[in-house]
Structure formats: C-alpha cells, structure tokens
Amino acid sequence: MLIFTLRRINLFIFTMLLLTLLSFSLSKLFPGDSLINLSGQINATAEQRDVLAEAYSHNDSIIHQYWAYLTHLFDGDLGLSMASHLPVSSEIMNLLPATVELSMVSLLIAMAIGIPVGFIAAVNHKKFTDNAILSIAMIGYSVPVFWLGLLAILVFSIQLGWLPSAGRISLVYEIKAVTGIQFIDILMSDNEYKWQAFQDATAHIIMPACVVAIAPMTIFIRLARTSMMEVLDTSYITAAKAKGLTFWQIIYRHAVRNALINVIRHVGLQFANLVTLAMVTEVIFSWPGIGRWLIESIFQRDYTAIQGGLIALSSFIFIVHIVTDFIYAGLNPLARDRKHGA
C-alpha cells in the first residue's frame, strides 16, 4: 500500500506541474501583456507595473518567471479578475462549493440508477430487457445536454410548474454561508424555516442534477453490465453453481459485490466528464457555480480568471480521481500490488 500511495502522490505532483505549466503558458499565448494576464491589474500605473514586474520576475529568464508564478500560486495568489477586479482565489472559493454540490448529487443519481439498471441488463443478457436498456442508454448518451436542459425547463418548470427553473434556493430563505454546500449550511442553520429551505433547495437541484447525470448514467449502465457479465463468467461463480446455490443467491451474495468493485474503478474517469457537463448546465439553470463563472470569463476575455479556473477545476477533478483510486485499492487487494498498482 505504501508503494501504491507513493505512486499516486508522484502522479499528483507531476500532473499539477503540467497544469501550472499550461496555465503559465496561457499568459504568454493570450493577447496583451503577459504580466497583466498573470496579475489581472489592467489599470496599473507605471509604479505599480514596476512592482508587479519585480514580483513576477518579468524581466528575468522564463524559468525565473515560472518560479515566481509558482510562488504566487503557493501563496494562494491567482491575481485579480479583469472583469470584477476581485481576487480570483476568493471568487473560486465562493463558487466552487456550488459546483461540488451539483457534481456530487449528479454522480450519486447516475450511480444509484445506472449501476442497478446495468446489472439488470447483464442478468437478462440478449433478452428484450437487455436490448431495451442498451437502446435507451444509447439515446440518453446521444442527447445534447444543453437541449435536454432547455427541454426540462420547458416541461417541468413552464408547463407543469413542478420545479424551479433557475437558481440554488429561493430568495425568501436567508441561509448563512458557512461551508458553501447549501444542504450542509441549511442543516447547520438556526433558521426556524430550515426544513422548508431544505425542501426548496432540493427542488432547485433536482432538475439540473438529473440533466447532468443522464450521460454518466448511461456510461455506468454499460460499465455495470460489462462488469457483471465478466463476473458471471468467472470460475468462482461456476463453483457456486456446482454447490447448488440458486441463480439469485449467486447474484446477491457473490456477483454484485465483485462487479461493483470493477465499476468503482471507473468513477474517477467519469467524474471529469460529469464536471464538464455541469459547466454547461450551470449556464442553462443559472446555477452559481465555478463552471458558469468560467464560461462567462471566457466570453469576457478575463484571462486571469480563465487561468485560475483551469487550475481549480482540474485540481478538483484529479483529487476526486485519486480518492477513487484509494477506495478501489481498499476494496481490491490486487490493485495495491506492485504489478497492478501502476
């Protein structure tokens, strides 16, 4: 397990190094002065520019400039937003929890529905149920998320009036932000209407979370189906049949738990796709997350915010991937072996 942990730490460090190199390179590739692109101080005076040039080693070699950039990153200084003139790091800290909340709820929905449905498809292999599930999964994966979001608003908000079409919570509820995660903040609140606020927040997140979860759900269906079929073809399942266990006893006692281990291995990979979908969905549903902020920054040519958002989102995705690897290694001893833990 120690070797496995060291390998993941080395991979994290190497990936973060590449991310910072990419972000630093963007400051050179974006239009305008690279010093302004890094600091975000577009209205700096001549004296302020001299101070910035000294802080970012702007007149030194490219290696010294990169090292100065890393120093600012380690200090939590991502520069100022060119649009709002606020620190990029503070904006990210305020907006990232909303994206985390939406992504996690979407992931839970995708796994809670996709994995059991995939197991059902595998159990009914080459039957009508299997073919129907695969057909629906293919259609769900092919539907564009922006079209699905607009259709959901049209049907469930405008025509039926079941769910709110935008926002995170109604303005009538004043919930103090502590963690940034809406549900946790509501439960920690002393507001006498906190249960009504909890229901309102749930109503707001259902539709965007379901829209984001559609595509990952279809992938989990196929992953779970393939994993279950592989498990059912193993020798220990054959031995269980020879012992006289019924088909459903084999499924519940042996097949499901082993198939789940293989599915968990791919959760981290699907999370990156899920966050990408969440960025588009945040714009459609006016969800106050970092994805919506990053897309608005692209339209506003806020180069400092683009660099900071890139590092924040990529780091978040990679951390989830690392955590998923540790969970998989904890469930599967073979993954901790030197040959399998690469």
Protein backbone atom coordinates (compact mmCIF):
# COMPACT_ATOMS: atom_id res chain seq x y z
CA MET A 1 0.00 0.00 0.00
CA LEU A 2 2.94 2.33 0.66
CA ILE A 3 4.24 1.94 -2.90
CA PHE A 4 0.72 2.49 -4.24
CA THR A 5 0.39 5.69 -2.19
CA LEU A 6 3.80 6.99 -3.26
CA ARG A 7 2.95 6.37 -6.91
CA ARG A 8 -0.29 8.32 -6.60
CA ILE A 9 1.49 11.20 -4.83
CA ASN A 10 4.13 11.31 -7.57
CA LEU A 11 1.40 11.26 -10.21
CA PHE A 12 -0.41 14.11 -8.46
CA ILE A 13 2.75 16.22 -8.27
CA PHE A 14 3.60 15.57 -11.92
CA THR A 15 0.06 16.38 -13.06
CA MET A 16 -0.05 19.60 -11.05
CA LEU A 17 3.31 20.57 -12.55
CA LEU A 18 1.88 20.12 -16.04
CA LEU A 19 -1.22 22.13 -15.09
CA THR A 20 0.83 25.04 -13.82
CA LEU A 21 2.99 24.91 -16.95
CA LEU A 22 -0.14 25.06 -19.10
CA SER A 23 -1.60 27.91 -17.08
CA PHE A 24 1.65 29.85 -17.18
CA SER A 25 1.91 29.28 -20.94
CA LEU A 26 -1.59 30.69 -21.43
CA SER A 27 -0.43 34.02 -20.01
CA LYS A 28 2.09 34.17 -22.87
CA LEU A 29 -0.34 32.96 -25.53
CA PHE A 30 -3.29 35.19 -24.62
CA PRO A 31 -3.44 38.62 -26.30
CA GLY A 32 -1.96 41.53 -24.40
CA ASP A 33 0.81 41.84 -21.85
CA SER A 34 1.65 38.56 -20.08
CA LEU A 35 2.28 40.47 -16.84
CA ILE A 36 -1.27 41.85 -16.90
CA ASN A 37 -2.63 38.42 -17.82
CA LEU A 38 -0.98 36.95 -14.71
CA SER A 39 -1.84 39.70 -12.25
CA GLY A 40 -5.13 40.92 -13.71
CA GLN A 41 -4.31 44.54 -12.87
CA ILE A 42 -5.32 46.10 -16.18
CA ASN A 43 -5.36 49.66 -14.78
CA ALA A 44 -1.98 49.53 -13.06
CA THR A 45 0.10 52.70 -13.02
CA ALA A 46 3.73 52.81 -14.10
CA GLU A 47 4.88 52.45 -10.49
CA GLN A 48 2.53 49.52 -9.91
CA ARG A 49 3.76 47.82 -13.10
CA ASP A 50 7.32 48.08 -11.83
CA VAL A 51 6.30 46.43 -8.57
CA LEU A 52 4.45 43.68 -10.47
CA ALA A 53 7.40 43.13 -12.80
CA GLU A 54 9.61 42.66 -9.75
CA ALA A 55 7.12 40.34 -8.04
CA TYR A 56 6.69 38.13 -11.12
CA SER A 57 10.37 38.36 -12.23
CA HIS A 58 9.08 39.73 -15.53
CA ASN A 59 12.49 40.98 -16.67
CA ASP A 60 14.31 37.74 -15.88
CA SER A 61 14.51 34.44 -17.74
CA ILE A 62 11.42 32.34 -18.44
CA ILE A 63 12.45 29.85 -15.74
CA HIS A 64 12.60 32.60 -13.11
CA GLN A 65 9.21 33.87 -14.32
CA TYR A 66 7.70 30.40 -13.94
CA TRP A 67 9.20 30.00 -10.47
CA ALA A 68 7.76 33.39 -9.43
CA TYR A 69 4.38 32.27 -10.78
CA LEU A 70 4.56 29.08 -8.71
CA THR A 71 5.45 31.13 -5.63
CA HIS A 72 2.32 33.22 -6.09
CA LEU A 73 0.24 30.05 -6.54
CA PHE A 74 1.60 28.53 -3.31
CA ASP A 75 0.68 31.75 -1.55
CA GLY A 76 -2.88 31.50 -2.88
CA ASP A 77 -2.44 34.49 -5.16
CA LEU A 78 -4.14 33.85 -8.52
CA GLY A 79 -4.29 37.50 -9.43
CA LEU A 80 -7.28 39.82 -9.82
CA SER A 81 -10.25 39.18 -12.06
CA MET A 82 -10.15 41.54 -15.04
CA ALA A 83 -13.95 41.77 -15.00
CA SER A 84 -14.81 42.15 -11.32
CA HIS A 85 -11.40 43.35 -10.01
CA LEU A 86 -11.76 40.89 -7.13
CA PRO A 87 -9.17 38.26 -6.16
CA VAL A 88 -9.62 35.18 -8.35
CA SER A 89 -8.90 32.88 -5.40
CA SER A 90 -11.76 34.35 -3.34
CA GLU A 91 -14.18 34.03 -6.26
CA ILE A 92 -13.17 30.41 -6.75
CA MET A 93 -13.63 29.63 -3.05
CA ASN A 94 -17.10 31.21 -3.13
CA LEU A 95 -18.26 29.46 -6.30
CA LEU A 96 -16.54 26.05 -6.19
CA PRO A 97 -18.77 24.59 -3.41
CA ALA A 98 -21.86 25.05 -5.60
CA THR A 99 -20.20 23.10 -8.41
CA VAL A 100 -19.03 20.43 -5.97
CA GLU A 101 -22.57 20.07 -4.62
CA LEU A 102 -24.15 19.79 -8.08
CA SER A 103 -21.49 17.35 -9.28
CA MET A 104 -21.75 15.09 -6.24
CA VAL A 105 -25.55 14.93 -6.34
CA SER A 106 -25.40 14.21 -10.07
CA LEU A 107 -22.83 11.47 -9.50
CA LEU A 108 -25.00 9.84 -6.82
CA ILE A 109 -28.02 9.92 -9.13
CA ALA A 110 -26.02 8.48 -12.02
CA MET A 111 -24.64 5.65 -9.88
CA ALA A 112 -27.87 4.93 -7.99
CA ILE A 113 -29.78 4.43 -11.22
CA GLY A 114 -27.15 3.42 -13.75
CA ILE A 115 -25.43 0.62 -11.81
CA PRO A 116 -28.58 -1.37 -10.84
CA VAL A 117 -30.02 -0.96 -14.35
CA GLY A 118 -26.74 -2.21 -15.81
CA PHE A 119 -26.86 -5.26 -13.54
CA ILE A 120 -30.43 -5.93 -14.65
CA ALA A 121 -29.31 -5.75 -18.29
CA ALA A 122 -26.48 -8.22 -17.62
CA VAL A 123 -28.75 -10.68 -15.82
CA ASN A 124 -31.13 -10.55 -18.81
CA HIS A 125 -28.34 -10.78 -21.39
CA LYS A 126 -29.55 -10.99 -25.03
CA LYS A 127 -33.16 -10.69 -23.91
CA PHE A 128 -35.68 -7.95 -24.62
CA THR A 129 -34.88 -6.19 -21.34
CA ASP A 130 -31.17 -6.07 -22.17
CA ASN A 131 -31.79 -4.72 -25.68
CA ALA A 132 -34.27 -2.11 -24.42
CA ILE A 133 -31.89 -0.86 -21.72
CA LEU A 134 -28.99 -0.60 -24.16
CA SER A 135 -31.15 1.27 -26.68
CA ILE A 136 -32.34 3.77 -24.08
CA ALA A 137 -28.77 4.20 -22.82
CA MET A 138 -27.54 4.95 -26.33
CA ILE A 139 -30.27 7.54 -26.85
CA GLY A 140 -29.57 9.16 -23.46
CA TYR A 141 -25.86 9.41 -24.22
CA SER A 142 -26.53 10.98 -27.64
CA VAL A 143 -28.86 13.76 -26.42
CA PRO A 144 -27.00 17.11 -26.09
CA VAL A 145 -27.02 18.36 -22.51
CA PHE A 146 -27.96 21.94 -23.45
CA TRP A 147 -31.01 20.75 -25.41
CA LEU A 148 -32.03 18.40 -22.60
CA GLY A 149 -31.73 21.21 -20.05
CA LEU A 150 -33.91 23.57 -22.08
CA LEU A 151 -36.46 20.80 -22.66
CA ALA A 152 -36.56 20.03 -18.93
CA ILE A 153 -37.21 23.70 -18.12
CA LEU A 154 -39.96 23.87 -20.74
CA VAL A 155 -41.75 20.75 -19.48
CA PHE A 156 -41.21 20.63 -15.71
CA SER A 157 -40.99 24.36 -14.96
CA ILE A 158 -43.09 26.20 -17.51
CA GLN A 159 -45.77 23.69 -18.49
CA LEU A 160 -46.14 21.57 -15.35
CA GLY A 161 -44.78 24.02 -12.78
CA TRP A 162 -43.32 21.25 -10.66
CA LEU A 163 -39.74 22.50 -10.26
CA PRO A 164 -37.99 25.90 -10.26
CA SER A 165 -36.11 26.73 -13.44
CA ALA A 166 -33.11 28.62 -12.07
CA GLY A 167 -31.03 29.36 -9.00
CA ARG A 168 -29.92 27.40 -5.99
CA ILE A 169 -32.56 28.41 -3.45
CA SER A 170 -35.43 30.90 -3.27
CA LEU A 171 -34.58 34.41 -2.15
CA VAL A 172 -37.08 34.24 0.72
CA TYR A 173 -34.71 31.99 2.67
CA GLU A 174 -31.66 33.67 4.18
CA ILE A 175 -29.11 30.96 4.89
CA LYS A 176 -25.70 31.98 6.17
CA ALA A 177 -22.90 30.50 4.07
CA VAL A 178 -20.53 28.51 6.27
CA THR A 179 -19.22 25.65 4.17
CA GLY A 180 -20.64 26.80 0.85
CA ILE A 181 -22.50 23.50 0.46
CA GLN A 182 -26.15 24.56 0.53
CA PHE A 183 -27.59 21.48 2.23
CA ILE A 184 -24.94 21.44 4.96
CA ASP A 185 -25.37 25.16 5.60
CA ILE A 186 -29.14 24.73 5.89
CA LEU A 187 -28.79 21.89 8.42
CA MET A 188 -26.30 23.95 10.44
CA SER A 189 -28.57 26.99 10.38
CA ASP A 190 -30.69 28.12 13.34
CA ASN A 191 -33.41 29.37 10.98
CA GLU A 192 -36.85 28.18 12.08
CA TYR A 193 -37.75 27.60 8.43
CA LYS A 194 -34.71 25.47 7.68
CA TRP A 195 -36.71 22.36 6.74
CA GLN A 196 -38.75 24.39 4.27
CA ALA A 197 -35.46 25.80 2.98
CA PHE A 198 -34.08 22.25 2.69
CA GLN A 199 -37.08 21.20 0.60
CA ASP A 200 -36.73 24.30 -1.55
CA ALA A 201 -33.00 23.64 -2.14
CA THR A 202 -33.83 20.04 -3.03
CA ALA A 203 -36.42 21.21 -5.56
CA HIS A 204 -33.86 23.57 -7.11
CA ILE A 205 -31.15 20.93 -7.51
CA ILE A 206 -33.27 18.03 -8.80
CA MET A 207 -33.61 19.19 -12.40
CA PRO A 208 -30.02 20.35 -13.09
CA ALA A 209 -28.60 17.32 -11.28
CA CYS A 210 -30.73 14.92 -13.34
CA VAL A 211 -29.75 16.68 -16.56
CA VAL A 212 -26.05 16.39 -15.68
CA ALA A 213 -26.47 12.76 -14.58
CA ILE A 214 -28.03 11.48 -17.82
CA ALA A 215 -24.82 10.93 -19.81
CA PRO A 216 -22.74 9.45 -16.93
CA MET A 217 -25.74 7.28 -16.03
CA THR A 218 -25.72 5.68 -19.49
CA ILE A 219 -21.99 5.01 -19.17
CA PHE A 220 -22.47 3.43 -15.74
CA ILE A 221 -25.16 1.21 -17.27
CA ARG A 222 -22.72 -0.13 -19.84
CA LEU A 223 -19.88 -0.43 -17.31
CA ALA A 224 -22.06 -2.27 -14.79
CA ARG A 225 -23.45 -4.54 -17.49
CA THR A 226 -19.98 -5.46 -18.77
CA SER A 227 -18.61 -5.93 -15.26
CA MET A 228 -21.48 -8.19 -14.21
CA MET A 229 -21.14 -10.31 -17.34
CA GLU A 230 -17.41 -10.75 -16.68
CA VAL A 231 -18.07 -11.78 -13.09
CA LEU A 232 -20.75 -14.28 -14.12
CA ASP A 233 -18.19 -15.98 -16.39
CA THR A 234 -15.59 -16.46 -13.63
CA SER A 235 -14.64 -19.80 -12.10
CA TYR A 236 -15.88 -19.00 -8.58
CA ILE A 237 -19.37 -18.33 -9.95
CA THR A 238 -19.22 -21.74 -11.66
CA ALA A 239 -18.16 -23.27 -8.33
CA ALA A 240 -21.09 -21.55 -6.59
CA LYS A 241 -23.46 -23.07 -9.13
CA ALA A 242 -21.94 -26.50 -8.51
CA LYS A 243 -22.63 -26.10 -4.79
CA GLY A 244 -26.32 -25.85 -5.57
CA LEU A 245 -26.88 -22.15 -4.97
CA THR A 246 -29.78 -20.65 -6.85
CA PHE A 247 -29.21 -18.04 -9.54
CA TRP A 248 -30.42 -15.15 -7.41
CA GLN A 249 -28.34 -16.30 -4.42
CA ILE A 250 -25.27 -16.20 -6.65
CA ILE A 251 -26.19 -12.73 -7.88
CA TYR A 252 -26.82 -11.20 -4.44
CA ARG A 253 -24.08 -12.97 -2.46
CA HIS A 254 -21.20 -13.08 -4.93
CA ALA A 255 -21.73 -11.33 -8.26
CA VAL A 256 -22.98 -7.90 -7.19
CA ARG A 257 -20.19 -7.01 -4.75
CA ASN A 258 -17.44 -8.15 -7.13
CA ALA A 259 -18.99 -6.36 -10.09
CA LEU A 260 -19.28 -3.17 -8.03
CA ILE A 261 -15.52 -3.16 -7.41
CA ASN A 262 -14.82 -3.01 -11.13
CA VAL A 263 -17.36 -0.21 -11.62
CA ILE A 264 -15.90 1.93 -8.81
CA ARG A 265 -12.58 1.83 -10.64
CA HIS A 266 -14.09 3.99 -13.41
CA VAL A 267 -15.89 6.53 -11.21
CA GLY A 268 -12.97 8.96 -11.22
CA LEU A 269 -12.75 8.89 -15.00
CA GLN A 270 -16.46 9.59 -15.38
CA PHE A 271 -16.29 12.43 -12.88
CA ALA A 272 -14.24 14.53 -15.31
CA ASN A 273 -16.95 14.12 -17.94
CA LEU A 274 -19.59 14.94 -15.35
CA VAL A 275 -17.93 18.23 -14.33
CA THR A 276 -17.70 19.24 -18.00
CA LEU A 277 -21.43 18.67 -18.39
CA ALA A 278 -22.07 20.57 -15.16
CA MET A 279 -20.35 23.66 -16.60
CA VAL A 280 -22.88 23.87 -19.44
CA THR A 281 -25.79 23.02 -17.16
CA GLU A 282 -24.86 25.80 -14.72
CA VAL A 283 -25.31 28.35 -17.51
CA ILE A 284 -28.72 26.96 -18.51
CA PHE A 285 -30.10 26.81 -14.96
CA SER A 286 -28.30 29.95 -13.68
CA TRP A 287 -26.53 27.80 -11.10
CA PRO A 288 -23.98 29.99 -9.26
CA GLY A 289 -21.02 27.67 -9.70
CA ILE A 290 -17.49 27.92 -10.97
CA GLY A 291 -18.42 26.42 -14.35
CA ARG A 292 -20.84 29.22 -15.15
CA TRP A 293 -18.30 31.78 -13.88
CA LEU A 294 -15.56 30.26 -16.05
CA ILE A 295 -17.69 30.32 -19.19
CA GLU A 296 -18.66 33.94 -18.52
CA SER A 297 -14.95 34.71 -18.04
CA ILE A 298 -14.22 33.24 -21.47
CA PHE A 299 -16.84 35.49 -23.08
CA GLN A 300 -15.50 38.50 -21.16
CA ARG A 301 -11.88 37.64 -22.09
CA ASP A 302 -10.99 37.57 -18.41
CA TYR A 303 -7.66 35.79 -18.91
CA THR A 304 -6.65 35.80 -15.25
CA ALA A 305 -9.90 34.12 -14.23
CA ILE A 306 -9.55 31.55 -17.04
CA GLN A 307 -6.11 30.52 -15.77
CA GLY A 308 -7.27 30.31 -12.14
CA GLY A 309 -10.45 28.43 -13.03
CA LEU A 310 -8.49 25.95 -15.11
CA ILE A 311 -6.20 25.11 -12.19
CA ALA A 312 -9.07 24.93 -9.67
CA LEU A 313 -11.34 22.65 -11.74
CA SER A 314 -8.51 20.40 -12.92
CA SER A 315 -7.17 20.01 -9.38
CA PHE A 316 -10.63 19.19 -8.07
CA ILE A 317 -11.17 16.53 -10.73
CA PHE A 318 -7.78 14.97 -10.15
CA ILE A 319 -8.24 14.87 -6.37
CA VAL A 320 -11.53 13.01 -6.86
CA HIS A 321 -9.71 10.63 -9.18
CA ILE A 322 -7.02 9.97 -6.55
CA VAL A 323 -9.65 9.39 -3.83
CA THR A 324 -11.45 6.94 -6.13
CA ASP A 325 -8.19 5.06 -6.71
CA PHE A 326 -7.68 4.69 -2.96
CA ILE A 327 -11.24 3.44 -2.48
CA TYR A 328 -10.73 0.92 -5.27
CA ALA A 329 -7.40 -0.16 -3.79
CA GLY A 330 -9.05 -0.60 -0.40
CA LEU A 331 -11.72 -2.85 -1.90
CA ASN A 332 -9.45 -4.77 -4.28
CA PRO A 333 -6.15 -6.03 -2.79
CA LEU A 334 -4.77 -6.77 -6.29
CA ALA A 335 -4.77 -3.03 -7.06
CA ARG A 336 -2.25 -2.48 -4.25
CA ASP A 337 0.16 -4.98 -5.77
CA ARG A 338 3.24 -3.58 -7.47
CA LYS A 339 2.23 -5.07 -10.84
CA HIS A 340 -1.38 -3.83 -10.74
CA GLY A 341 -0.93 -0.51 -8.90
CA ALA A 342 0.91 1.28 -11.68
